[in-house]
Amino acid sequence: MRKLLILGCFVAVLIIILGGFLMIKPNEFQVTSTDIEPDKLLAEAQVYNAHGCTGGNISPELSWSGAPEGTQSFAIICHDPDAPRATGWYHWLVVNIPATVSEVKAGGKIAGALETITDFGQNAYGGACPPVGHGIHHYNFTVYALDTATLAVDGQTPPTEVEQLVKSHALAQSTITGLYERK
């Protein structure tokens, strides 16, 4: 009888634990790219074309899916945390992407969206171009699902302010990382 009671308690605990796991939904919001292989070297097309770099300076194709309920817009931020600056280096910031959009083509622009200023001083994608001999850099392309249709920024809003505002409205985010090194 005692063994049966212990077995019954064990089964009850197991059911409670498994039930809890089944109720937890994984992050369904995902970003993918036909141009970026996760944690692999970026193609020359995504490398900057100035400051000693000779790439195509073309923004990669990005697609996203599984946005949470309540998503009113999206934002894209490409950031290199390995740059030799306290804030890293911002390569691309796009905000106010309509909620009906789920992809940006390579080198493409999104109607209705705003590209804000990068650390290159441009309102456009700026490709990978780390200092020579600085090692491998990580280029994090993050798509954010936001709870607002527009952010109160303009083309000259500093990248750190844009990122802070994006994160304060984020319902979900997903990142794909490409690598690059100049020897």
N, C-alpha and C. Protein backbone atom coordinates (compact mmCIF):
# COMPACT_ATOMS: atom_id res chain seq x y z
N MET A 1 0.82 -1.19 0.00
CA MET A 1 0.00 0.00 0.00
C MET A 1 0.87 1.26 0.00
N ARG A 2 1.91 1.25 0.82
CA ARG A 2 2.79 2.41 0.90
C ARG A 2 3.48 2.66 -0.44
N LYS A 3 3.94 1.60 -1.12
CA LYS A 3 4.58 1.74 -2.43
C LYS A 3 3.61 2.33 -3.44
N LEU A 4 2.37 1.94 -3.37
CA LEU A 4 1.36 2.45 -4.28
C LEU A 4 1.12 3.94 -4.04
N LEU A 5 1.11 4.35 -2.78
CA LEU A 5 0.93 5.76 -2.43
C LEU A 5 2.12 6.58 -2.93
N ILE A 6 3.34 6.09 -2.73
CA ILE A 6 4.54 6.80 -3.20
C ILE A 6 4.51 6.90 -4.72
N LEU A 7 4.15 5.81 -5.39
CA LEU A 7 4.07 5.82 -6.86
C LEU A 7 3.02 6.81 -7.33
N GLY A 8 1.88 6.86 -6.65
CA GLY A 8 0.81 7.80 -7.00
C GLY A 8 1.29 9.25 -6.85
N CYS A 9 2.01 9.55 -5.76
CA CYS A 9 2.55 10.90 -5.54
C CYS A 9 3.56 11.25 -6.62
N PHE A 10 4.41 10.29 -6.95
CA PHE A 10 5.42 10.52 -7.99
C PHE A 10 4.75 10.84 -9.33
N VAL A 11 3.72 10.08 -9.69
CA VAL A 11 3.01 10.31 -10.95
C VAL A 11 2.33 11.68 -10.93
N ALA A 12 1.73 12.06 -9.80
CA ALA A 12 1.07 13.36 -9.69
C ALA A 12 2.08 14.50 -9.89
N VAL A 13 3.23 14.39 -9.25
CA VAL A 13 4.27 15.42 -9.39
C VAL A 13 4.75 15.48 -10.84
N LEU A 14 4.94 14.34 -11.45
CA LEU A 14 5.39 14.28 -12.84
C LEU A 14 4.37 14.94 -13.75
N ILE A 15 3.10 14.70 -13.53
CA ILE A 15 2.04 15.32 -14.34
C ILE A 15 2.06 16.84 -14.17
N ILE A 16 2.23 17.31 -12.96
CA ILE A 16 2.28 18.75 -12.71
C ILE A 16 3.48 19.38 -13.43
N ILE A 17 4.64 18.74 -13.33
CA ILE A 17 5.84 19.27 -13.98
C ILE A 17 5.68 19.29 -15.49
N LEU A 18 5.24 18.17 -16.07
CA LEU A 18 5.06 18.11 -17.52
C LEU A 18 3.99 19.08 -17.98
N GLY A 19 2.94 19.23 -17.22
CA GLY A 19 1.90 20.17 -17.57
C GLY A 19 2.43 21.59 -17.62
N GLY A 20 3.30 21.94 -16.70
CA GLY A 20 3.92 23.26 -16.70
C GLY A 20 4.76 23.48 -17.93
N PHE A 21 5.53 22.48 -18.33
CA PHE A 21 6.35 22.59 -19.53
C PHE A 21 5.49 22.75 -20.78
N LEU A 22 4.39 22.05 -20.82
CA LEU A 22 3.52 22.13 -21.99
C LEU A 22 2.85 23.49 -22.11
N MET A 23 2.67 24.17 -20.99
CA MET A 23 2.05 25.49 -21.01
C MET A 23 3.02 26.58 -21.44
N ILE A 24 4.31 26.35 -21.33
CA ILE A 24 5.31 27.33 -21.71
C ILE A 24 5.47 27.29 -23.22
N LYS A 25 5.21 28.41 -23.87
CA LYS A 25 5.37 28.48 -25.31
C LYS A 25 6.77 28.97 -25.64
N PRO A 26 7.44 28.32 -26.58
CA PRO A 26 8.74 28.81 -26.99
C PRO A 26 8.58 30.12 -27.75
N ASN A 27 9.66 30.88 -27.83
CA ASN A 27 9.63 32.12 -28.60
C ASN A 27 9.39 31.75 -30.05
N GLU A 28 8.23 32.07 -30.55
CA GLU A 28 7.86 31.73 -31.91
C GLU A 28 8.34 32.76 -32.91
N PHE A 29 8.77 33.93 -32.44
CA PHE A 29 9.23 35.00 -33.33
C PHE A 29 10.64 34.66 -33.79
N GLN A 30 10.81 34.52 -35.11
CA GLN A 30 12.09 34.10 -35.65
C GLN A 30 12.50 34.95 -36.84
N VAL A 31 13.80 35.23 -36.95
CA VAL A 31 14.34 35.91 -38.13
C VAL A 31 15.24 34.92 -38.86
N THR A 32 15.14 34.93 -40.18
CA THR A 32 16.00 34.10 -41.02
C THR A 32 16.54 34.96 -42.15
N SER A 33 17.52 34.42 -42.86
CA SER A 33 18.12 35.16 -43.97
C SER A 33 18.67 34.20 -45.01
N THR A 34 18.47 34.56 -46.25
CA THR A 34 19.08 33.79 -47.33
C THR A 34 20.52 34.24 -47.56
N ASP A 35 20.90 35.36 -46.95
CA ASP A 35 22.24 35.93 -47.15
C ASP A 35 23.18 35.71 -45.97
N ILE A 36 22.64 35.38 -44.82
CA ILE A 36 23.47 35.20 -43.61
C ILE A 36 23.30 33.78 -43.11
N GLU A 37 24.40 33.08 -43.01
CA GLU A 37 24.39 31.76 -42.39
C GLU A 37 24.79 31.99 -40.94
N PRO A 38 23.93 31.61 -39.98
CA PRO A 38 24.19 31.92 -38.58
C PRO A 38 25.59 31.51 -38.12
N ASP A 39 26.27 32.47 -37.50
CA ASP A 39 27.60 32.28 -36.92
C ASP A 39 28.65 31.85 -37.94
N LYS A 40 28.46 32.25 -39.20
CA LYS A 40 29.43 32.02 -40.27
C LYS A 40 29.86 33.38 -40.81
N LEU A 41 30.94 33.40 -41.60
CA LEU A 41 31.42 34.65 -42.16
C LEU A 41 30.41 35.27 -43.12
N LEU A 42 30.27 36.58 -43.02
CA LEU A 42 29.40 37.31 -43.94
C LEU A 42 30.00 37.26 -45.34
N ALA A 43 29.15 37.30 -46.34
CA ALA A 43 29.60 37.37 -47.73
C ALA A 43 30.15 38.76 -48.00
N GLU A 44 30.99 38.87 -49.02
CA GLU A 44 31.56 40.17 -49.39
C GLU A 44 30.48 41.19 -49.73
N ALA A 45 29.31 40.72 -50.17
CA ALA A 45 28.21 41.63 -50.47
C ALA A 45 27.80 42.44 -49.25
N GLN A 46 27.94 41.89 -48.04
CA GLN A 46 27.53 42.59 -46.82
C GLN A 46 28.68 43.37 -46.16
N VAL A 47 29.83 43.46 -46.82
CA VAL A 47 30.99 44.18 -46.30
C VAL A 47 30.96 45.61 -46.84
N TYR A 48 31.42 46.54 -46.02
CA TYR A 48 31.45 47.97 -46.36
C TYR A 48 32.35 48.20 -47.58
N ASN A 49 32.15 49.32 -48.24
CA ASN A 49 32.96 49.65 -49.40
C ASN A 49 33.62 51.01 -49.22
N ALA A 50 34.43 51.14 -48.18
CA ALA A 50 35.19 52.36 -47.87
C ALA A 50 36.08 52.03 -46.67
N HIS A 51 36.89 52.98 -46.25
CA HIS A 51 37.76 52.81 -45.08
C HIS A 51 38.64 51.57 -45.20
N GLY A 52 39.07 51.25 -46.41
CA GLY A 52 39.94 50.09 -46.62
C GLY A 52 39.20 48.80 -46.88
N CYS A 53 37.89 48.80 -46.79
CA CYS A 53 37.09 47.61 -47.09
C CYS A 53 36.56 47.73 -48.52
N THR A 54 36.42 46.60 -49.19
CA THR A 54 36.04 46.63 -50.61
C THR A 54 34.87 45.69 -50.90
N GLY A 55 33.86 45.72 -50.07
CA GLY A 55 32.70 44.86 -50.27
C GLY A 55 31.61 45.54 -51.07
N GLY A 56 30.49 44.87 -51.17
CA GLY A 56 29.35 45.39 -51.92
C GLY A 56 28.50 46.38 -51.15
N ASN A 57 28.61 46.39 -49.81
CA ASN A 57 27.83 47.27 -48.94
C ASN A 57 26.33 47.13 -49.20
N ILE A 58 25.89 45.89 -49.34
CA ILE A 58 24.47 45.60 -49.60
C ILE A 58 23.86 44.99 -48.35
N SER A 59 22.76 45.58 -47.89
CA SER A 59 22.08 45.01 -46.73
C SER A 59 21.57 43.61 -47.09
N PRO A 60 21.58 42.69 -46.12
CA PRO A 60 21.15 41.32 -46.40
C PRO A 60 19.63 41.19 -46.46
N GLU A 61 19.19 40.13 -47.10
CA GLU A 61 17.78 39.77 -47.06
C GLU A 61 17.48 39.27 -45.65
N LEU A 62 16.38 39.73 -45.09
CA LEU A 62 15.91 39.27 -43.78
C LEU A 62 14.42 38.97 -43.88
N SER A 63 14.00 37.87 -43.28
CA SER A 63 12.58 37.51 -43.20
C SER A 63 12.27 37.18 -41.75
N TRP A 64 11.06 37.48 -41.32
CA TRP A 64 10.67 37.16 -39.95
C TRP A 64 9.25 36.63 -39.93
N SER A 65 8.98 35.85 -38.89
CA SER A 65 7.65 35.23 -38.75
C SER A 65 7.37 34.99 -37.28
N GLY A 66 6.10 34.72 -36.99
CA GLY A 66 5.70 34.38 -35.62
C GLY A 66 5.62 35.58 -34.69
N ALA A 67 5.32 36.75 -35.22
CA ALA A 67 5.21 37.94 -34.37
C ALA A 67 4.09 37.75 -33.36
N PRO A 68 4.30 38.23 -32.14
CA PRO A 68 3.26 38.06 -31.11
C PRO A 68 2.04 38.94 -31.37
N GLU A 69 0.95 38.53 -30.77
CA GLU A 69 -0.28 39.33 -30.84
C GLU A 69 0.00 40.72 -30.29
N GLY A 70 -0.56 41.72 -30.92
CA GLY A 70 -0.36 43.10 -30.48
C GLY A 70 0.78 43.81 -31.20
N THR A 71 1.47 43.11 -32.10
CA THR A 71 2.55 43.74 -32.86
C THR A 71 1.97 44.79 -33.79
N GLN A 72 2.49 46.02 -33.68
CA GLN A 72 2.01 47.12 -34.52
C GLN A 72 3.05 47.58 -35.53
N SER A 73 4.31 47.22 -35.30
CA SER A 73 5.37 47.55 -36.25
C SER A 73 6.59 46.72 -35.92
N PHE A 74 7.61 46.84 -36.77
CA PHE A 74 8.88 46.15 -36.56
C PHE A 74 10.02 47.14 -36.65
N ALA A 75 11.17 46.73 -36.11
CA ALA A 75 12.40 47.51 -36.23
C ALA A 75 13.54 46.53 -36.48
N ILE A 76 14.55 46.99 -37.20
CA ILE A 76 15.76 46.20 -37.45
C ILE A 76 16.95 47.00 -36.93
N ILE A 77 17.80 46.33 -36.18
CA ILE A 77 19.06 46.96 -35.74
C ILE A 77 20.19 45.97 -36.02
N CYS A 78 21.21 46.46 -36.74
CA CYS A 78 22.43 45.67 -36.92
C CYS A 78 23.51 46.35 -36.09
N HIS A 79 24.07 45.58 -35.16
CA HIS A 79 25.03 46.13 -34.21
C HIS A 79 26.24 45.21 -34.09
N ASP A 80 27.42 45.81 -34.02
CA ASP A 80 28.67 45.08 -33.80
C ASP A 80 29.14 45.39 -32.38
N PRO A 81 28.93 44.46 -31.43
CA PRO A 81 29.34 44.72 -30.05
C PRO A 81 30.84 44.63 -29.85
N ASP A 82 31.58 44.13 -30.84
CA ASP A 82 33.02 43.93 -30.71
C ASP A 82 33.84 45.14 -31.15
N ALA A 83 33.17 46.15 -31.68
CA ALA A 83 33.88 47.36 -32.12
C ALA A 83 34.58 48.01 -30.92
N PRO A 84 35.75 48.61 -31.15
CA PRO A 84 36.51 49.19 -30.03
C PRO A 84 35.96 50.53 -29.55
N ARG A 85 34.71 50.51 -29.15
CA ARG A 85 34.03 51.68 -28.57
C ARG A 85 33.09 51.18 -27.49
N ALA A 86 32.81 52.00 -26.53
CA ALA A 86 31.95 51.59 -25.42
C ALA A 86 30.57 51.15 -25.88
N THR A 87 30.06 51.75 -26.95
CA THR A 87 28.72 51.41 -27.43
C THR A 87 28.75 50.45 -28.62
N GLY A 88 29.91 49.92 -28.97
CA GLY A 88 29.98 49.08 -30.16
C GLY A 88 29.80 49.94 -31.39
N TRP A 89 29.31 49.34 -32.48
CA TRP A 89 29.13 50.09 -33.72
C TRP A 89 27.79 49.73 -34.33
N TYR A 90 27.00 50.75 -34.64
CA TYR A 90 25.68 50.56 -35.23
C TYR A 90 25.80 50.65 -36.75
N HIS A 91 25.42 49.56 -37.43
CA HIS A 91 25.56 49.46 -38.88
C HIS A 91 24.26 49.71 -39.64
N TRP A 92 23.13 49.54 -38.95
CA TRP A 92 21.85 49.69 -39.66
C TRP A 92 20.74 49.79 -38.63
N LEU A 93 19.89 50.80 -38.78
CA LEU A 93 18.73 50.96 -37.90
C LEU A 93 17.54 51.34 -38.78
N VAL A 94 16.50 50.51 -38.73
CA VAL A 94 15.29 50.75 -39.50
C VAL A 94 14.12 50.64 -38.54
N VAL A 95 13.29 51.67 -38.48
CA VAL A 95 12.14 51.68 -37.57
C VAL A 95 10.87 51.98 -38.35
N ASN A 96 9.75 51.86 -37.66
CA ASN A 96 8.43 52.15 -38.24
C ASN A 96 8.13 51.26 -39.44
N ILE A 97 8.61 50.02 -39.39
CA ILE A 97 8.29 49.05 -40.43
C ILE A 97 6.85 48.59 -40.20
N PRO A 98 5.98 48.74 -41.19
CA PRO A 98 4.58 48.36 -40.99
C PRO A 98 4.43 46.90 -40.55
N ALA A 99 3.42 46.65 -39.73
CA ALA A 99 3.18 45.31 -39.20
C ALA A 99 2.82 44.30 -40.29
N THR A 100 2.45 44.78 -41.47
CA THR A 100 2.11 43.89 -42.59
C THR A 100 3.35 43.40 -43.33
N VAL A 101 4.52 43.93 -43.01
CA VAL A 101 5.76 43.56 -43.69
C VAL A 101 6.44 42.44 -42.91
N SER A 102 6.97 41.47 -43.64
CA SER A 102 7.68 40.36 -42.98
C SER A 102 9.00 40.03 -43.66
N GLU A 103 9.48 40.95 -44.51
CA GLU A 103 10.73 40.69 -45.22
C GLU A 103 11.29 41.98 -45.78
N VAL A 104 12.61 42.04 -45.83
CA VAL A 104 13.29 43.09 -46.59
C VAL A 104 14.25 42.35 -47.53
N LYS A 105 14.18 42.69 -48.79
CA LYS A 105 15.05 42.07 -49.79
C LYS A 105 16.47 42.60 -49.64
N ALA A 106 17.44 41.87 -50.15
CA ALA A 106 18.84 42.31 -50.12
C ALA A 106 18.94 43.66 -50.82
N GLY A 107 19.53 44.62 -50.14
CA GLY A 107 19.69 45.96 -50.69
C GLY A 107 18.39 46.74 -50.79
N GLY A 108 17.32 46.19 -50.25
CA GLY A 108 16.01 46.79 -50.41
C GLY A 108 15.67 47.84 -49.37
N LYS A 109 14.66 48.59 -49.69
CA LYS A 109 14.09 49.59 -48.79
C LYS A 109 12.66 49.16 -48.50
N ILE A 110 12.12 49.60 -47.37
CA ILE A 110 10.76 49.24 -46.97
C ILE A 110 9.91 50.50 -47.00
N ALA A 111 8.86 50.48 -47.81
CA ALA A 111 7.95 51.63 -47.92
C ALA A 111 7.36 51.95 -46.55
N GLY A 112 7.42 53.20 -46.17
CA GLY A 112 6.86 53.65 -44.90
C GLY A 112 7.80 53.56 -43.72
N ALA A 113 8.94 52.89 -43.89
CA ALA A 113 9.91 52.75 -42.80
C ALA A 113 10.91 53.90 -42.82
N LEU A 114 11.61 54.06 -41.72
CA LEU A 114 12.61 55.13 -41.58
C LEU A 114 13.95 54.52 -41.21
N GLU A 115 14.97 54.81 -42.00
CA GLU A 115 16.34 54.42 -41.67
C GLU A 115 16.96 55.59 -40.91
N THR A 116 17.39 55.33 -39.68
CA THR A 116 17.99 56.39 -38.88
C THR A 116 19.51 56.33 -39.03
N ILE A 117 20.17 57.34 -38.53
CA ILE A 117 21.61 57.50 -38.73
C ILE A 117 22.41 56.39 -38.04
N THR A 118 23.42 55.92 -38.73
CA THR A 118 24.30 54.88 -38.20
C THR A 118 25.59 55.52 -37.70
N ASP A 119 26.49 54.69 -37.18
CA ASP A 119 27.79 55.22 -36.75
C ASP A 119 28.68 55.59 -37.93
N PHE A 120 28.27 55.25 -39.15
CA PHE A 120 28.97 55.73 -40.35
C PHE A 120 28.51 57.14 -40.72
N GLY A 121 27.48 57.64 -40.02
CA GLY A 121 26.94 58.97 -40.31
C GLY A 121 26.00 58.97 -41.50
N GLN A 122 25.45 57.80 -41.84
CA GLN A 122 24.56 57.68 -42.98
C GLN A 122 23.22 57.08 -42.55
N ASN A 123 22.19 57.39 -43.30
CA ASN A 123 20.86 56.83 -43.06
C ASN A 123 20.65 55.66 -44.02
N ALA A 124 21.51 54.68 -43.89
CA ALA A 124 21.47 53.51 -44.76
C ALA A 124 22.34 52.42 -44.13
N TYR A 125 22.23 51.23 -44.69
CA TYR A 125 23.06 50.12 -44.24
C TYR A 125 24.53 50.44 -44.48
N GLY A 126 25.35 50.13 -43.49
CA GLY A 126 26.81 50.22 -43.60
C GLY A 126 27.39 48.87 -43.24
N GLY A 127 28.04 48.22 -44.17
CA GLY A 127 28.50 46.85 -43.98
C GLY A 127 29.63 46.68 -42.99
N ALA A 128 30.00 45.43 -42.82
CA ALA A 128 31.07 45.05 -41.89
C ALA A 128 32.40 45.64 -42.35
N CYS A 129 33.16 46.18 -41.41
CA CYS A 129 34.48 46.73 -41.72
C CYS A 129 35.24 46.97 -40.42
N PRO A 130 35.57 45.90 -39.70
CA PRO A 130 36.27 46.08 -38.42
C PRO A 130 37.72 46.51 -38.66
N PRO A 131 38.38 47.00 -37.62
CA PRO A 131 39.80 47.36 -37.77
C PRO A 131 40.63 46.12 -38.15
N VAL A 132 41.67 46.37 -38.94
CA VAL A 132 42.58 45.29 -39.33
C VAL A 132 43.21 44.68 -38.08
N GLY A 133 43.24 43.35 -38.04
CA GLY A 133 43.88 42.64 -36.93
C GLY A 133 43.12 42.67 -35.62
N HIS A 134 41.87 43.09 -35.62
CA HIS A 134 41.08 43.22 -34.39
C HIS A 134 40.35 41.93 -34.05
N GLY A 135 40.48 40.91 -34.87
CA GLY A 135 39.81 39.64 -34.61
C GLY A 135 38.43 39.58 -35.22
N ILE A 136 37.75 38.50 -34.91
CA ILE A 136 36.41 38.28 -35.45
C ILE A 136 35.41 39.18 -34.74
N HIS A 137 34.57 39.82 -35.53
CA HIS A 137 33.49 40.65 -35.01
C HIS A 137 32.16 39.97 -35.29
N HIS A 138 31.21 40.19 -34.39
CA HIS A 138 29.87 39.62 -34.50
C HIS A 138 28.91 40.71 -34.96
N TYR A 139 28.19 40.44 -36.04
CA TYR A 139 27.22 41.40 -36.58
C TYR A 139 25.83 40.84 -36.29
N ASN A 140 25.20 41.42 -35.28
CA ASN A 140 23.90 40.96 -34.80
C ASN A 140 22.79 41.71 -35.53
N PHE A 141 22.07 41.00 -36.38
CA PHE A 141 20.92 41.56 -37.08
C PHE A 141 19.69 41.15 -36.27
N THR A 142 19.12 42.11 -35.55
CA THR A 142 17.99 41.82 -34.67
C THR A 142 16.74 42.49 -35.22
N VAL A 143 15.68 41.71 -35.32
CA VAL A 143 14.37 42.23 -35.69
C VAL A 143 13.53 42.25 -34.42
N TYR A 144 12.89 43.38 -34.18
CA TYR A 144 12.05 43.57 -33.00
C TYR A 144 10.59 43.71 -33.43
N ALA A 145 9.69 43.05 -32.73
CA ALA A 145 8.24 43.25 -32.88
C ALA A 145 7.86 44.28 -31.82
N LEU A 146 7.24 45.38 -32.25
CA LEU A 146 6.96 46.49 -31.34
C LEU A 146 5.46 46.66 -31.08
N ASP A 147 5.17 47.25 -29.91
CA ASP A 147 3.79 47.49 -29.51
C ASP A 147 3.26 48.85 -29.94
N THR A 148 3.98 49.52 -30.82
CA THR A 148 3.57 50.83 -31.32
C THR A 148 3.79 50.88 -32.82
N ALA A 149 2.96 51.64 -33.53
CA ALA A 149 3.07 51.72 -34.98
C ALA A 149 4.24 52.60 -35.42
N THR A 150 4.54 53.62 -34.62
CA THR A 150 5.65 54.51 -34.97
C THR A 150 6.41 54.90 -33.70
N LEU A 151 7.68 55.13 -33.89
CA LEU A 151 8.53 55.63 -32.80
C LEU A 151 8.80 57.10 -33.03
N ALA A 152 8.89 57.86 -31.95
CA ALA A 152 9.14 59.29 -32.04
C ALA A 152 10.64 59.56 -32.23
N VAL A 153 11.12 59.23 -33.42
CA VAL A 153 12.52 59.47 -33.78
C VAL A 153 12.55 60.10 -35.16
N ASP A 154 13.70 60.65 -35.52
CA ASP A 154 13.87 61.15 -36.88
C ASP A 154 15.18 60.59 -37.42
N GLY A 155 15.54 60.97 -38.61
CA GLY A 155 16.72 60.45 -39.26
C GLY A 155 18.02 60.74 -38.55
N GLN A 156 18.03 61.73 -37.66
CA GLN A 156 19.25 62.11 -36.97
C GLN A 156 19.29 61.69 -35.50
N THR A 157 18.30 60.94 -35.05
CA THR A 157 18.30 60.46 -33.67
C THR A 157 19.49 59.52 -33.49
N PRO A 158 20.32 59.75 -32.47
CA PRO A 158 21.50 58.89 -32.26
C PRO A 158 21.13 57.42 -32.10
N PRO A 159 21.97 56.53 -32.62
CA PRO A 159 21.67 55.10 -32.58
C PRO A 159 21.36 54.55 -31.19
N THR A 160 22.09 54.98 -30.17
CA THR A 160 21.83 54.45 -28.83
C THR A 160 20.44 54.85 -28.34
N GLU A 161 19.97 56.04 -28.71
CA GLU A 161 18.62 56.46 -28.33
C GLU A 161 17.57 55.66 -29.09
N VAL A 162 17.83 55.41 -30.37
CA VAL A 162 16.90 54.60 -31.16
C VAL A 162 16.79 53.21 -30.55
N GLU A 163 17.93 52.61 -30.25
CA GLU A 163 17.92 51.26 -29.67
C GLU A 163 17.17 51.24 -28.34
N GLN A 164 17.41 52.22 -27.49
CA GLN A 164 16.74 52.27 -26.19
C GLN A 164 15.22 52.36 -26.36
N LEU A 165 14.78 53.20 -27.29
CA LEU A 165 13.35 53.35 -27.53
C LEU A 165 12.76 52.08 -28.14
N VAL A 166 13.47 51.46 -29.07
CA VAL A 166 13.01 50.20 -29.66
C VAL A 166 12.83 49.16 -28.56
N LYS A 167 13.84 49.00 -27.73
CA LYS A 167 13.77 47.98 -26.67
C LYS A 167 12.65 48.26 -25.67
N SER A 168 12.34 49.54 -25.44
CA SER A 168 11.27 49.86 -24.49
C SER A 168 9.89 49.51 -25.04
N HIS A 169 9.77 49.30 -26.36
CA HIS A 169 8.50 48.94 -26.98
C HIS A 169 8.49 47.50 -27.52
N ALA A 170 9.53 46.75 -27.27
CA ALA A 170 9.66 45.41 -27.84
C ALA A 170 8.75 44.39 -27.16
N LEU A 171 7.98 43.69 -27.98
CA LEU A 171 7.18 42.56 -27.51
C LEU A 171 7.97 41.27 -27.66
N ALA A 172 8.84 41.25 -28.68
CA ALA A 172 9.68 40.08 -28.96
C ALA A 172 10.84 40.53 -29.83
N GLN A 173 11.87 39.71 -29.85
CA GLN A 173 13.02 40.00 -30.71
C GLN A 173 13.65 38.68 -31.13
N SER A 174 14.31 38.73 -32.27
CA SER A 174 15.01 37.56 -32.77
C SER A 174 16.26 38.05 -33.51
N THR A 175 17.37 37.34 -33.31
CA THR A 175 18.66 37.77 -33.86
C THR A 175 19.29 36.68 -34.71
N ILE A 176 19.89 37.11 -35.79
CA ILE A 176 20.75 36.23 -36.60
C ILE A 176 22.11 36.92 -36.66
N THR A 177 23.17 36.18 -36.40
CA THR A 177 24.51 36.76 -36.28
C THR A 177 25.42 36.27 -37.39
N GLY A 178 26.06 37.23 -38.05
CA GLY A 178 27.09 36.94 -39.03
C GLY A 178 28.43 37.40 -38.48
N LEU A 179 29.50 36.83 -38.97
CA LEU A 179 30.84 37.15 -38.50
C LEU A 179 31.67 37.76 -39.61
N TYR A 180 32.70 38.56 -39.22
CA TYR A 180 33.62 39.09 -40.20
C TYR A 180 34.91 39.49 -39.50
N GLU A 181 36.02 39.32 -40.22
CA GLU A 181 37.33 39.67 -39.69
C GLU A 181 38.20 40.23 -40.83
N ARG A 182 38.93 41.30 -40.52
CA ARG A 182 39.93 41.84 -41.46
C ARG A 182 41.30 41.50 -40.91
N LYS A 183 42.10 40.82 -41.74
CA LYS A 183 43.44 40.42 -41.29
C LYS A 183 44.50 41.35 -41.83
